[in-house]
Amino acid sequence: MQNMSAYVTSNLLRFPDATVKALQKDEIELDSVPRASFTTGKTGLAWLACGPQLEVINSLTGERLSAYCFSSATEQQPTVVAVREFSWQKKTGLLVALVEAEGSVLCLYDIGISRVVKAVVLPGSVTAVEPIINQGGASPITQHLHQSLRWFFGVAAVVTDVGHILLIDLCLDDVSTNQDELDASDLEVMSGVPAEIPKLREAARIVHRHLCLQLLAPSGTTISALCYISRTNQLVVGFSDGCFSLWNMKSLRREFHGQIEGGKVPVSAFAFQEPESDPRNCCYLWAVQANQSGEDVSLHLLQLAFGNRKCLSSGHIIYEHLEYCEERYSLDLSSSFLSLRSQTNRTKLLGCQTIEKFHTRSEREDGLPEGMFSFIRTMGANQPGIQRILLS
């Protein structure tokens, strides 16, 4: 397995000079680590950030689509720590998490107009954000969610460095284009599942607050990875001590908690994979562990078995009633393993995703075999750009 070679390697795609220059300004402090990733949707977007600067790129052409510099009410500039693609009401945008001197801010960013259209203040230091749904109300589209979440209009999960797991009402039924990160709304955190959410939500709206369900109170352990799997309706949470949890979004209960065999190494990413023709109700979850430097990486394949697989009235397939979660396979990787030819520049894993083969033509990735795994890496400082590597 150590002799595995890349199945496909893309050419180096250089970013526009304006983007490279914006992310290398002298006034940006040295501890503002550059971040970048491809979005997981079908829009072909990639984003880059350094400190308060955000750049959105067309990953196919390298074209600069949008750019923004986030502001703070204090002298210290905010830092972009997490970005997720998020579309609502036929608009393409991003959920952007900022860390400031005294907390964090979650922003809804509209790529089309390069502006923040909604923002909410968050407690602590955010480490990851994940969209759950971009609609709301009691409708067939939201029937897979807990009743309390069905009263929200757009839901995002946010986790912090002290172990918060928060489910936030994005209030997409009241989007104001006049709100930005400097005029962020406050958060009303609710422990447990209170009754009469509609009344609480209306009262919060009057005073410009967002309701929030606290799924997990602070435990003191940093949450380092977050992923929502729509086909199992589970929120997957990874911790810095090598543990992970599966939370069911219908019951809002934790279905599983365990430690990956890689030991107490932070869980840095997850990727879901569904077999094409397995007669059992089984799915697979890739868990990636990496230390802070990102040089030592290990992959772990977890098998999830469910008691039921059904089709919702919305047309989506969903797995229900988790029976067990077991690790089936692991693979250690290193920077030398992913090095190409004589490339000696330092590499770092930024993200990963599975590429699945579906029966429906609109969802199928033609020409790519089932079960491929995609790694994204940056090149060295002398070659600003991104490469994608596919391993079969």
Protein backbone atom coordinates (compact mmCIF):
# COMPACT_ATOMS: atom_id res chain seq x y z
CA MET A 1 0.00 0.00 0.00
CA GLN A 2 2.95 2.33 0.61
CA ASN A 3 3.78 2.12 -3.13
CA MET A 4 0.40 3.58 -4.08
CA SER A 5 0.70 6.22 -6.79
CA ALA A 6 -1.58 9.08 -7.75
CA TYR A 7 -4.32 8.07 -10.20
CA VAL A 8 -4.81 11.62 -11.48
CA THR A 9 -2.78 14.74 -10.80
CA SER A 10 -4.00 18.12 -11.96
CA ASN A 11 -1.74 20.79 -13.36
CA LEU A 12 -0.73 23.62 -11.05
CA LEU A 13 -3.45 26.28 -11.24
CA ARG A 14 -2.02 29.68 -10.44
CA PHE A 15 -4.20 32.26 -8.73
CA PRO A 16 -4.52 35.83 -10.08
CA ASP A 17 -1.74 38.22 -9.08
CA ALA A 18 -4.30 40.43 -7.30
CA THR A 19 -5.28 37.51 -5.09
CA VAL A 20 -1.70 36.55 -4.23
CA LYS A 21 -0.87 40.19 -3.47
CA ALA A 22 -3.96 40.66 -1.26
CA LEU A 23 -3.03 37.63 0.84
CA GLN A 24 0.62 38.68 1.26
CA LYS A 25 0.20 42.23 2.54
CA ASP A 26 2.94 43.36 4.91
CA GLU A 27 0.49 44.57 7.56
CA ILE A 28 -0.93 41.08 8.06
CA GLU A 29 0.64 39.62 11.17
CA LEU A 30 2.89 36.59 10.86
CA ASP A 31 0.60 34.46 13.03
CA SER A 32 -2.22 34.84 10.47
CA VAL A 33 -1.87 31.46 8.81
CA PRO A 34 -3.11 31.29 5.19
CA ARG A 35 -6.09 28.93 4.74
CA ALA A 36 -7.63 27.55 1.57
CA SER A 37 -9.95 24.86 0.30
CA PHE A 38 -12.24 23.78 -2.51
CA THR A 39 -15.95 23.97 -1.74
CA THR A 40 -17.78 20.63 -1.79
CA GLY A 41 -20.73 21.76 -3.93
CA LYS A 42 -21.13 21.79 -7.70
CA THR A 43 -20.25 25.47 -8.18
CA GLY A 44 -16.53 24.84 -8.64
CA LEU A 45 -15.49 27.44 -6.07
CA ALA A 46 -12.30 27.67 -4.09
CA TRP A 47 -11.57 30.10 -1.30
CA LEU A 48 -8.41 31.52 0.19
CA ALA A 49 -8.04 33.53 3.38
CA CYS A 50 -5.30 35.11 5.44
CA GLY A 51 -6.15 37.15 8.51
CA PRO A 52 -9.20 39.29 7.63
CA GLN A 53 -8.77 38.87 3.86
CA LEU A 54 -11.06 36.52 1.92
CA GLU A 55 -10.75 35.63 -1.75
CA VAL A 56 -13.22 33.48 -3.74
CA ILE A 57 -11.88 31.83 -6.91
CA ASN A 58 -13.33 29.83 -9.79
CA SER A 59 -11.35 26.60 -9.32
CA LEU A 60 -11.60 25.71 -13.02
CA THR A 61 -10.37 28.97 -14.53
CA GLY A 62 -8.58 30.68 -11.65
CA GLU A 63 -10.82 33.73 -12.09
CA ARG A 64 -11.26 35.96 -9.04
CA LEU A 65 -15.01 36.02 -8.32
CA SER A 66 -15.24 37.90 -5.03
CA ALA A 67 -13.04 39.52 -2.38
CA TYR A 68 -13.65 41.04 1.03
CA CYS A 69 -11.74 42.33 4.04
CA PHE A 70 -13.58 41.74 7.31
CA SER A 71 -13.60 44.46 9.96
CA SER A 72 -13.69 44.49 13.74
CA ALA A 73 -15.00 46.94 16.32
CA THR A 74 -11.64 46.70 18.09
CA GLU A 75 -8.15 47.58 16.89
CA GLN A 76 -7.26 43.92 16.44
CA GLN A 77 -8.26 42.58 13.05
CA PRO A 78 -10.48 39.48 12.90
CA THR A 79 -9.20 36.20 11.49
CA VAL A 80 -11.09 33.98 9.07
CA VAL A 81 -10.97 30.48 10.60
CA ALA A 82 -13.69 28.54 8.76
CA VAL A 83 -15.57 28.86 5.46
CA ARG A 84 -18.39 26.70 4.09
CA GLU A 85 -20.36 27.05 0.88
CA PHE A 86 -23.98 27.99 1.53
CA SER A 87 -26.74 28.84 -0.94
CA TRP A 88 -30.12 30.31 -0.02
CA GLN A 89 -33.01 31.83 -1.99
CA LYS A 90 -31.18 31.24 -5.30
CA LYS A 91 -28.13 33.09 -4.02
CA THR A 92 -24.63 31.64 -3.84
CA GLY A 93 -22.69 32.49 -0.73
CA LEU A 94 -20.52 31.35 2.14
CA LEU A 95 -20.81 30.84 5.87
CA VAL A 96 -17.70 32.50 7.29
CA ALA A 97 -16.54 32.19 10.89
CA LEU A 98 -14.35 34.96 12.28
CA VAL A 99 -12.36 34.92 15.52
CA GLU A 100 -11.90 38.28 17.22
CA ALA A 101 -10.23 39.45 20.41
CA GLU A 102 -13.35 38.88 22.49
CA GLY A 103 -15.20 36.06 20.78
CA SER A 104 -16.31 35.04 17.31
CA VAL A 105 -18.74 36.10 14.60
CA LEU A 106 -20.64 33.94 12.10
CA CYS A 107 -21.24 35.78 8.81
CA LEU A 108 -23.50 35.03 5.86
CA TYR A 109 -21.52 36.28 2.85
CA ASP A 110 -23.13 36.92 -0.55
CA ILE A 111 -20.60 36.20 -3.32
CA GLY A 112 -22.69 38.00 -5.95
CA ILE A 113 -22.40 41.38 -4.25
CA SER A 114 -19.24 40.72 -2.18
CA ARG A 115 -20.97 41.71 1.05
CA VAL A 116 -21.92 40.33 4.43
CA VAL A 117 -25.74 40.28 4.64
CA LYS A 118 -26.19 38.72 8.09
CA ALA A 119 -23.95 38.23 11.12
CA VAL A 120 -24.32 36.86 14.65
CA VAL A 121 -21.97 37.03 17.64
CA LEU A 122 -20.80 33.65 19.00
CA PRO A 123 -19.27 32.65 22.35
CA GLY A 124 -15.64 31.53 22.56
CA SER A 125 -13.30 30.78 19.69
CA VAL A 126 -14.97 29.00 16.76
CA THR A 127 -13.03 26.13 15.18
CA ALA A 128 -15.51 24.88 12.54
CA VAL A 129 -18.90 25.62 11.02
CA GLU A 130 -21.21 23.32 9.05
CA PRO A 131 -24.52 24.10 7.27
CA ILE A 132 -27.40 21.76 8.16
CA ILE A 133 -30.24 23.14 6.03
CA ASN A 134 -30.92 26.33 4.05
CA GLN A 135 -34.71 26.32 4.45
CA GLY A 136 -37.14 26.22 7.33
CA GLY A 137 -40.66 25.79 8.58
CA ALA A 138 -42.75 22.66 9.01
CA SER A 139 -42.47 21.24 5.50
CA PRO A 140 -41.49 17.89 3.87
CA ILE A 141 -38.01 19.32 3.29
CA THR A 142 -37.39 19.60 7.04
CA GLN A 143 -39.15 16.42 8.19
CA HIS A 144 -35.85 14.66 8.95
CA LEU A 145 -34.95 17.25 11.61
CA HIS A 146 -36.01 17.48 15.24
CA GLN A 147 -39.27 19.35 15.75
CA SER A 148 -37.53 22.29 17.43
CA LEU A 149 -35.20 22.74 14.43
CA ARG A 150 -38.12 22.73 12.02
CA TRP A 151 -39.16 26.14 13.37
CA PHE A 152 -35.77 27.59 12.45
CA PHE A 153 -35.22 29.07 8.98
CA GLY A 154 -31.79 27.81 8.01
CA VAL A 155 -29.62 25.94 10.52
CA ALA A 156 -25.84 26.01 10.96
CA ALA A 157 -23.77 23.97 13.41
CA VAL A 158 -20.88 25.74 15.09
CA VAL A 159 -18.20 24.25 17.38
CA THR A 160 -15.54 25.90 19.53
CA ASP A 161 -12.14 25.34 21.11
CA VAL A 162 -13.71 24.50 24.48
CA GLY A 163 -16.19 21.93 23.21
CA HIS A 164 -19.38 23.86 22.43
CA ILE A 165 -21.74 22.32 19.85
CA LEU A 166 -24.32 24.95 18.85
CA LEU A 167 -27.22 24.72 16.37
CA ILE A 168 -28.01 28.26 15.23
CA ASP A 169 -31.14 29.69 13.61
CA LEU A 170 -29.88 31.68 10.59
CA CYS A 171 -33.21 33.56 10.28
CA LEU A 172 -33.24 33.36 6.48
CA ASP A 173 -36.87 34.48 6.47
CA ASP A 174 -35.60 37.93 7.47
CA VAL A 175 -32.40 38.68 5.54
CA SER A 176 -31.39 42.32 5.70
CA THR A 177 -28.77 43.58 3.26
CA ASN A 178 -27.87 46.37 5.71
CA GLN A 179 -26.32 44.12 8.36
CA ASP A 180 -22.60 43.36 8.39
CA GLU A 181 -20.02 41.95 10.82
CA LEU A 182 -19.86 45.27 12.71
CA ASP A 183 -23.61 45.18 13.35
CA ALA A 184 -23.88 41.51 14.32
CA SER A 185 -26.91 40.21 16.20
CA ASP A 186 -26.62 38.59 19.61
CA LEU A 187 -27.18 34.89 20.30
CA GLU A 188 -29.74 33.46 22.69
CA VAL A 189 -28.40 30.06 23.77
CA MET A 190 -30.94 27.52 25.03
CA SER A 191 -29.93 24.39 26.92
CA GLY A 192 -32.10 21.37 26.28
CA VAL A 193 -35.11 21.52 23.97
CA PRO A 194 -37.60 24.17 25.15
CA ALA A 195 -41.28 24.14 24.23
CA GLU A 196 -43.04 26.77 22.09
CA ILE A 197 -40.07 27.60 19.86
CA PRO A 198 -42.21 29.89 17.60
CA LYS A 199 -43.01 32.24 20.51
CA LEU A 200 -39.41 32.27 21.69
CA ARG A 201 -38.23 32.92 18.15
CA GLU A 202 -40.58 35.87 17.66
CA ALA A 203 -39.51 37.39 20.97
CA ALA A 204 -35.86 36.99 20.01
CA ARG A 205 -36.44 38.53 16.57
CA ILE A 206 -37.88 41.70 18.11
CA VAL A 207 -34.66 42.33 20.04
CA HIS A 208 -32.45 41.25 17.08
CA ARG A 209 -31.33 37.95 18.56
CA HIS A 210 -30.86 34.49 17.01
CA LEU A 211 -32.07 31.40 18.82
CA CYS A 212 -29.51 28.65 19.37
CA LEU A 213 -29.78 25.11 20.74
CA GLN A 214 -26.77 23.96 22.76
CA LEU A 215 -26.24 20.37 21.73
CA LEU A 216 -23.19 19.93 23.95
CA ALA A 217 -22.03 22.13 26.82
CA PRO A 218 -18.32 23.08 27.00
CA SER A 219 -16.20 20.08 27.94
CA GLY A 220 -12.79 21.76 27.77
CA THR A 221 -11.67 19.58 24.83
CA THR A 222 -11.20 21.36 21.51
CA ILE A 223 -13.47 20.27 18.67
CA SER A 224 -11.22 20.05 15.64
CA ALA A 225 -13.51 18.70 12.88
CA LEU A 226 -17.19 18.89 11.96
CA CYS A 227 -19.28 17.30 9.20
CA TYR A 228 -23.01 16.94 8.55
CA ILE A 229 -24.01 13.78 6.63
CA SER A 230 -27.43 14.30 5.07
CA ARG A 231 -27.83 10.64 4.05
CA THR A 232 -27.53 9.46 7.65
CA ASN A 233 -28.87 12.68 9.18
CA GLN A 234 -25.90 12.75 11.53
CA LEU A 235 -23.60 15.50 12.74
CA VAL A 236 -20.09 14.05 13.03
CA VAL A 237 -17.85 15.77 15.56
CA GLY A 238 -14.10 15.19 15.89
CA PHE A 239 -12.04 16.14 18.93
CA SER A 240 -8.41 17.06 19.51
CA ASP A 241 -7.87 13.95 21.66
CA GLY A 242 -8.63 11.56 18.78
CA CYS A 243 -12.26 10.90 19.75
CA PHE A 244 -15.34 11.45 17.62
CA SER A 245 -19.12 11.47 18.12
CA LEU A 246 -22.19 10.86 15.96
CA TRP A 247 -25.24 13.02 16.75
CA ASN A 248 -28.67 12.24 15.29
CA MET A 249 -30.43 15.39 14.03
CA LYS A 250 -33.89 13.83 14.34
CA SER A 251 -33.60 13.00 18.05
CA LEU A 252 -30.78 15.47 18.91
CA ARG A 253 -29.13 12.62 20.80
CA ARG A 254 -25.60 11.25 20.62
CA GLU A 255 -25.68 7.81 18.96
CA PHE A 256 -22.00 6.94 19.24
CA HIS A 257 -18.79 8.14 20.87
CA GLY A 258 -15.40 6.48 20.56
CA GLN A 259 -11.70 6.95 19.90
CA ILE A 260 -9.95 6.32 16.61
CA GLU A 261 -7.16 3.74 16.69
CA GLY A 262 -4.62 6.39 15.70
CA GLY A 263 -4.45 7.49 19.33
CA LYS A 264 -4.73 10.95 20.85
CA VAL A 265 -4.04 12.79 17.59
CA PRO A 266 -6.54 15.52 16.58
CA VAL A 267 -9.24 14.51 14.11
CA SER A 268 -8.89 17.03 11.28
CA ALA A 269 -11.46 15.98 8.65
CA PHE A 270 -14.26 13.59 7.71
CA ALA A 271 -15.51 12.30 4.35
CA PHE A 272 -18.61 10.17 3.80
CA GLN A 273 -18.92 7.34 1.26
CA GLU A 274 -21.95 5.24 0.32
CA PRO A 275 -21.52 1.88 -1.51
CA GLU A 276 -23.22 1.71 -4.91
CA SER A 277 -24.78 -1.76 -4.58
CA ASP A 278 -24.25 -3.12 -1.06
CA PRO A 279 -27.29 -5.26 -0.04
CA ARG A 280 -26.65 -4.33 3.58
CA ASN A 281 -27.57 -0.97 5.07
CA CYS A 282 -23.92 0.02 5.43
CA CYS A 283 -22.05 3.25 4.75
CA TYR A 284 -18.48 4.34 5.31
CA LEU A 285 -16.88 7.31 6.99
CA TRP A 286 -13.27 8.35 6.40
CA ALA A 287 -11.72 10.02 9.44
CA VAL A 288 -8.43 11.88 8.99
CA GLN A 289 -6.05 12.47 11.88
CA ALA A 290 -3.24 15.02 11.66
CA ASN A 291 -1.03 16.82 14.14
CA GLN A 292 -0.83 20.61 14.24
CA SER A 293 1.95 20.80 11.66
CA GLY A 294 -0.11 18.72 9.24
CA GLU A 295 2.90 16.65 8.19
CA ASP A 296 1.87 13.34 9.81
CA VAL A 297 -1.47 12.20 8.44
CA SER A 298 -3.38 8.94 8.90
CA LEU A 299 -6.64 7.79 7.31
CA HIS A 300 -9.18 5.60 9.08
CA LEU A 301 -12.15 3.92 7.40
CA LEU A 302 -15.16 3.47 9.70
CA GLN A 303 -18.08 1.22 8.78
CA LEU A 304 -21.56 2.38 9.82
CA ALA A 305 -24.37 -0.19 9.85
CA PHE A 306 -28.02 0.88 10.04
CA GLY A 307 -31.28 -0.93 10.70
CA ASN A 308 -33.21 0.85 7.96
CA ARG A 309 -32.78 2.63 4.63
CA LYS A 310 -35.72 4.58 3.26
CA CYS A 311 -36.69 7.25 0.76
CA LEU A 312 -38.24 10.45 2.12
CA SER A 313 -41.15 12.22 0.44
CA SER A 314 -38.61 14.85 -0.67
CA GLY A 315 -36.87 12.14 -2.71
CA HIS A 316 -33.76 11.91 -0.55
CA ILE A 317 -32.40 8.58 0.71
CA ILE A 318 -31.77 8.37 4.43
CA TYR A 319 -30.27 5.69 6.71
CA GLU A 320 -31.82 5.25 10.15
CA HIS A 321 -31.21 3.45 13.46
CA LEU A 322 -27.44 3.12 13.78
CA GLU A 323 -26.53 -0.42 14.90
CA TYR A 324 -22.74 -0.20 15.13
CA CYS A 325 -19.70 1.84 14.10
CA GLU A 326 -16.39 -0.02 13.68
CA GLU A 327 -12.99 0.81 12.23
CA ARG A 328 -12.16 -1.45 9.26
CA TYR A 329 -9.00 -0.01 7.70
CA SER A 330 -6.24 2.52 8.37
CA LEU A 331 -3.40 4.00 6.35
CA ASP A 332 -0.49 6.19 7.46
CA LEU A 333 0.55 8.96 5.11
CA SER A 334 3.41 11.42 5.16
CA SER A 335 4.56 14.41 3.16
CA SER A 336 6.99 12.17 1.28
CA PHE A 337 4.16 9.82 0.34
CA LEU A 338 2.29 12.62 -1.42
CA SER A 339 5.36 14.21 -2.97
CA LEU A 340 5.40 14.26 -6.73
CA ARG A 341 8.50 13.62 -8.81
CA SER A 342 11.34 15.74 -7.45
CA GLN A 343 9.12 18.27 -5.70
CA THR A 344 10.81 19.18 -2.42
CA ASN A 345 8.53 21.96 -1.21
CA ARG A 346 6.75 21.36 2.07
CA THR A 347 3.21 20.05 1.71
CA LYS A 348 0.22 20.14 4.03
CA LEU A 349 -3.14 18.39 3.86
CA LEU A 350 -5.91 20.98 3.58
CA GLY A 351 -8.93 18.74 3.09
CA CYS A 352 -10.29 15.58 1.57
CA GLN A 353 -13.46 14.33 -0.06
CA THR A 354 -14.80 11.16 -1.63
CA ILE A 355 -15.91 11.07 -5.26
CA GLU A 356 -18.86 8.73 -5.60
CA LYS A 357 -20.50 7.19 -8.63
CA PHE A 358 -24.27 7.63 -8.71
CA HIS A 359 -26.93 6.17 -10.96
CA THR A 360 -28.53 9.54 -11.72
CA ARG A 361 -26.77 11.34 -14.53
CA SER A 362 -26.88 14.74 -12.82
CA GLU A 363 -25.01 13.46 -9.76
CA ARG A 364 -22.55 11.09 -11.47
CA GLU A 365 -18.87 11.92 -11.80
CA ASP A 366 -18.33 10.47 -15.30
CA GLY A 367 -14.97 8.88 -15.93
CA LEU A 368 -14.07 8.46 -12.27
CA PRO A 369 -14.15 4.99 -10.73
CA GLU A 370 -16.25 4.37 -7.63
CA GLY A 371 -14.52 4.79 -4.30
CA MET A 372 -11.82 7.29 -5.21
CA PHE A 373 -10.39 9.57 -2.56
CA SER A 374 -9.32 13.13 -3.28
CA PHE A 375 -6.52 14.97 -1.49
CA ILE A 376 -5.92 18.69 -1.81
CA ARG A 377 -2.51 20.17 -1.17
CA THR A 378 -0.83 23.55 -1.47
CA MET A 379 2.45 24.09 -3.25
CA GLY A 380 5.45 25.88 -1.80
CA ALA A 381 5.81 29.60 -1.29
CA ASN A 382 7.52 29.98 -4.68
CA GLN A 383 4.54 28.43 -6.47
CA PRO A 384 1.28 29.86 -5.09
CA GLY A 385 -1.49 27.56 -6.22
CA ILE A 386 -3.41 24.39 -5.51
CA GLN A 387 -3.15 20.86 -6.83
CA ARG A 388 -5.65 18.04 -6.50
CA ILE A 389 -4.49 14.43 -6.23
CA LEU A 390 -6.82 11.46 -6.73
CA LEU A 391 -5.97 8.09 -5.20
CA SER A 392 -7.87 4.98 -6.31
